[in-house]
Amino acid sequence: MAFKAKMLGREKTMRLLNGIVPEAEKELAKAQIEAAQTVANKIKPRAPGPRTGAYQSSIQADKLANRPKERSIGGGASNSNTKDPNATGVFADYIWRFLEFGTVKMAKRPHIFPTWRQERKKVRSKMAAAVRRAVKKAKSK
């Protein structure tokens, strides 16, 4: 027996979900910012840097909409590419690329992407749990 799936796209999926569970997007937005802050806080102690700690303190989580001129770590060309109004990211000084990937004169010191790979599963489960909580609230009303 073969299963067929139809991809709806993010906008249509969120529209359908909001039609069924109006609180889902709010819960999801809270989970997204909490997850981004958790990841940023786990990256900070792993970050290499000079003795001043300026680079470590520059690592912060925020909504992409709050920082339209900055690019998030691992982000694409700009933050305006996303259709998600609640999209979040981790931001840091521009030197993160040189530290993470190295240069001709400096060895790489990966600290961002290994942390993200370690936390990705937890972030996804947090977001799924937020939607489940919203569904439970809607069912109980």
Protein backbone atom coordinates (compact mmCIF):
# COMPACT_ATOMS: atom_id res chain seq x y z
CA MET A 1 0.00 0.00 0.00
CA ALA A 2 1.48 3.33 -1.04
CA PHE A 3 0.82 6.53 0.85
CA LYS A 4 0.52 9.83 -0.92
CA ALA A 5 1.17 13.18 0.70
CA LYS A 6 0.41 16.65 -0.53
CA MET A 7 2.65 19.53 0.53
CA LEU A 8 0.56 22.54 1.52
CA GLY A 9 3.20 25.12 2.32
CA ARG A 10 3.75 27.06 5.51
CA GLU A 11 1.15 29.79 4.94
CA LYS A 12 -1.70 27.42 4.14
CA THR A 13 -0.76 25.06 6.96
CA MET A 14 -0.70 27.90 9.51
CA ARG A 15 -4.00 29.26 8.17
CA LEU A 16 -5.64 25.84 8.60
CA LEU A 17 -4.10 25.37 12.04
CA ASN A 18 -5.21 28.84 13.19
CA GLY A 19 -8.71 28.06 11.95
CA ILE A 20 -8.82 25.00 14.19
CA VAL A 21 -6.66 26.19 17.09
CA PRO A 22 -6.41 30.01 17.31
CA GLU A 23 -3.84 29.91 20.14
CA ALA A 24 -1.39 27.69 18.24
CA GLU A 25 0.59 30.50 16.63
CA LYS A 26 0.98 32.36 19.95
CA GLU A 27 2.21 29.22 21.72
CA LEU A 28 4.53 28.45 18.83
CA ALA A 29 5.97 31.99 18.87
CA LYS A 30 6.75 31.66 22.60
CA ALA A 31 8.41 28.29 22.03
CA GLN A 32 10.48 29.67 19.14
CA ILE A 33 11.96 32.55 21.15
CA GLU A 34 12.58 30.29 24.18
CA ALA A 35 14.36 27.75 21.98
CA ALA A 36 16.49 30.44 20.33
CA GLN A 37 17.46 31.83 23.74
CA THR A 38 18.36 28.34 24.95
CA VAL A 39 20.56 27.72 21.92
CA ALA A 40 22.23 31.14 22.26
CA ASN A 41 22.93 30.47 25.95
CA LYS A 42 24.50 27.12 25.08
CA ILE A 43 26.67 28.64 22.33
CA LYS A 44 28.08 31.41 24.59
CA PRO A 45 30.25 29.24 26.87
CA ARG A 46 31.57 27.25 23.91
CA ALA A 47 32.53 30.36 21.96
CA PRO A 48 36.23 31.07 21.60
CA GLY A 49 37.35 34.61 21.77
CA PRO A 50 39.65 37.19 23.22
CA ARG A 51 39.91 37.73 26.94
CA THR A 52 37.46 40.62 26.86
CA GLY A 53 34.44 38.40 26.25
CA ALA A 54 32.95 40.90 23.80
CA TYR A 55 32.25 38.20 21.22
CA GLN A 56 30.56 35.93 23.75
CA SER A 57 28.32 38.76 24.94
CA SER A 58 27.35 39.57 21.34
CA ILE A 59 25.66 36.17 20.94
CA GLN A 60 21.94 36.82 21.41
CA ALA A 61 18.60 35.41 20.36
CA ASP A 62 15.91 37.66 18.91
CA LYS A 63 13.08 37.81 16.41
CA LEU A 64 14.25 38.44 12.85
CA ALA A 65 11.70 41.25 12.55
CA ASN A 66 13.41 43.13 15.39
CA ARG A 67 16.72 43.18 13.51
CA PRO A 68 15.94 43.83 9.85
CA LYS A 69 19.44 45.07 8.95
CA GLU A 70 21.34 42.21 10.61
CA ARG A 71 21.77 38.64 9.43
CA SER A 72 21.23 35.80 11.82
CA ILE A 73 23.86 33.12 12.20
CA GLY A 74 23.49 30.70 9.32
CA GLY A 75 20.79 32.93 7.83
CA GLY A 76 20.38 33.50 4.14
CA ALA A 77 20.86 36.74 2.25
CA SER A 78 18.67 38.76 4.62
CA ASN A 79 16.00 38.43 7.26
CA SER A 80 13.31 39.68 4.89
CA ASN A 81 13.21 36.33 3.06
CA THR A 82 11.00 34.67 5.66
CA LYS A 83 7.21 34.75 5.64
CA ASP A 84 7.04 33.80 9.31
CA PRO A 85 6.37 36.92 11.39
CA ASN A 86 7.58 35.10 14.51
CA ALA A 87 10.80 33.74 13.00
CA THR A 88 13.70 33.84 15.42
CA GLY A 89 17.43 33.56 15.10
CA VAL A 90 20.71 33.78 16.92
CA PHE A 91 22.81 36.86 16.22
CA ALA A 92 26.52 37.49 16.82
CA ASP A 93 29.34 39.77 15.73
CA TYR A 94 30.51 39.28 12.15
CA ILE A 95 33.63 37.41 13.33
CA TRP A 96 31.55 34.30 14.02
CA ARG A 97 32.22 33.12 10.45
CA PHE A 98 36.00 33.35 10.85
CA LEU A 99 35.93 31.57 14.20
CA GLU A 100 33.53 28.87 13.05
CA PHE A 101 35.10 28.06 9.69
CA GLY A 102 38.65 29.37 10.10
CA THR A 103 40.74 31.36 7.67
CA VAL A 104 43.94 30.79 5.75
CA LYS A 105 45.89 31.94 8.80
CA MET A 106 43.64 30.64 11.57
CA ALA A 107 42.35 27.16 12.33
CA LYS A 108 38.61 26.66 12.56
CA ARG A 109 37.04 26.63 16.01
CA PRO A 110 33.51 25.33 15.50
CA HIS A 111 31.17 26.25 18.32
CA ILE A 112 27.88 27.29 16.69
CA PHE A 113 26.86 24.50 14.35
CA PRO A 114 27.91 21.61 16.64
CA THR A 115 25.77 23.18 19.37
CA TRP A 116 22.86 23.61 16.95
CA ARG A 117 23.12 20.00 15.79
CA GLN A 118 23.09 18.91 19.43
CA GLU A 119 20.02 21.03 20.26
CA ARG A 120 18.00 20.70 17.03
CA LYS A 121 15.97 17.70 18.18
CA LYS A 122 15.09 19.41 21.49
CA VAL A 123 14.05 22.59 19.67
CA ARG A 124 11.74 20.70 17.33
CA SER A 125 10.17 18.77 20.20
CA LYS A 126 9.63 22.06 22.12
CA MET A 127 7.83 23.52 19.14
CA ALA A 128 5.70 20.40 18.66
CA ALA A 129 4.87 20.41 22.38
CA ALA A 130 3.73 24.04 22.11
CA VAL A 131 1.31 23.15 19.33
CA ARG A 132 0.07 20.13 21.31
CA ARG A 133 -0.52 22.38 24.35
CA ALA A 134 -2.56 24.78 22.21
CA VAL A 135 -4.61 21.89 20.83
CA LYS A 136 -5.27 20.58 24.36
CA LYS A 137 -6.40 24.05 25.47
CA ALA A 138 -8.74 24.28 22.47
CA LYS A 139 -10.15 20.82 23.15
CA SER A 140 -10.82 21.60 26.81
CA LYS A 141 -12.84 24.74 26.01
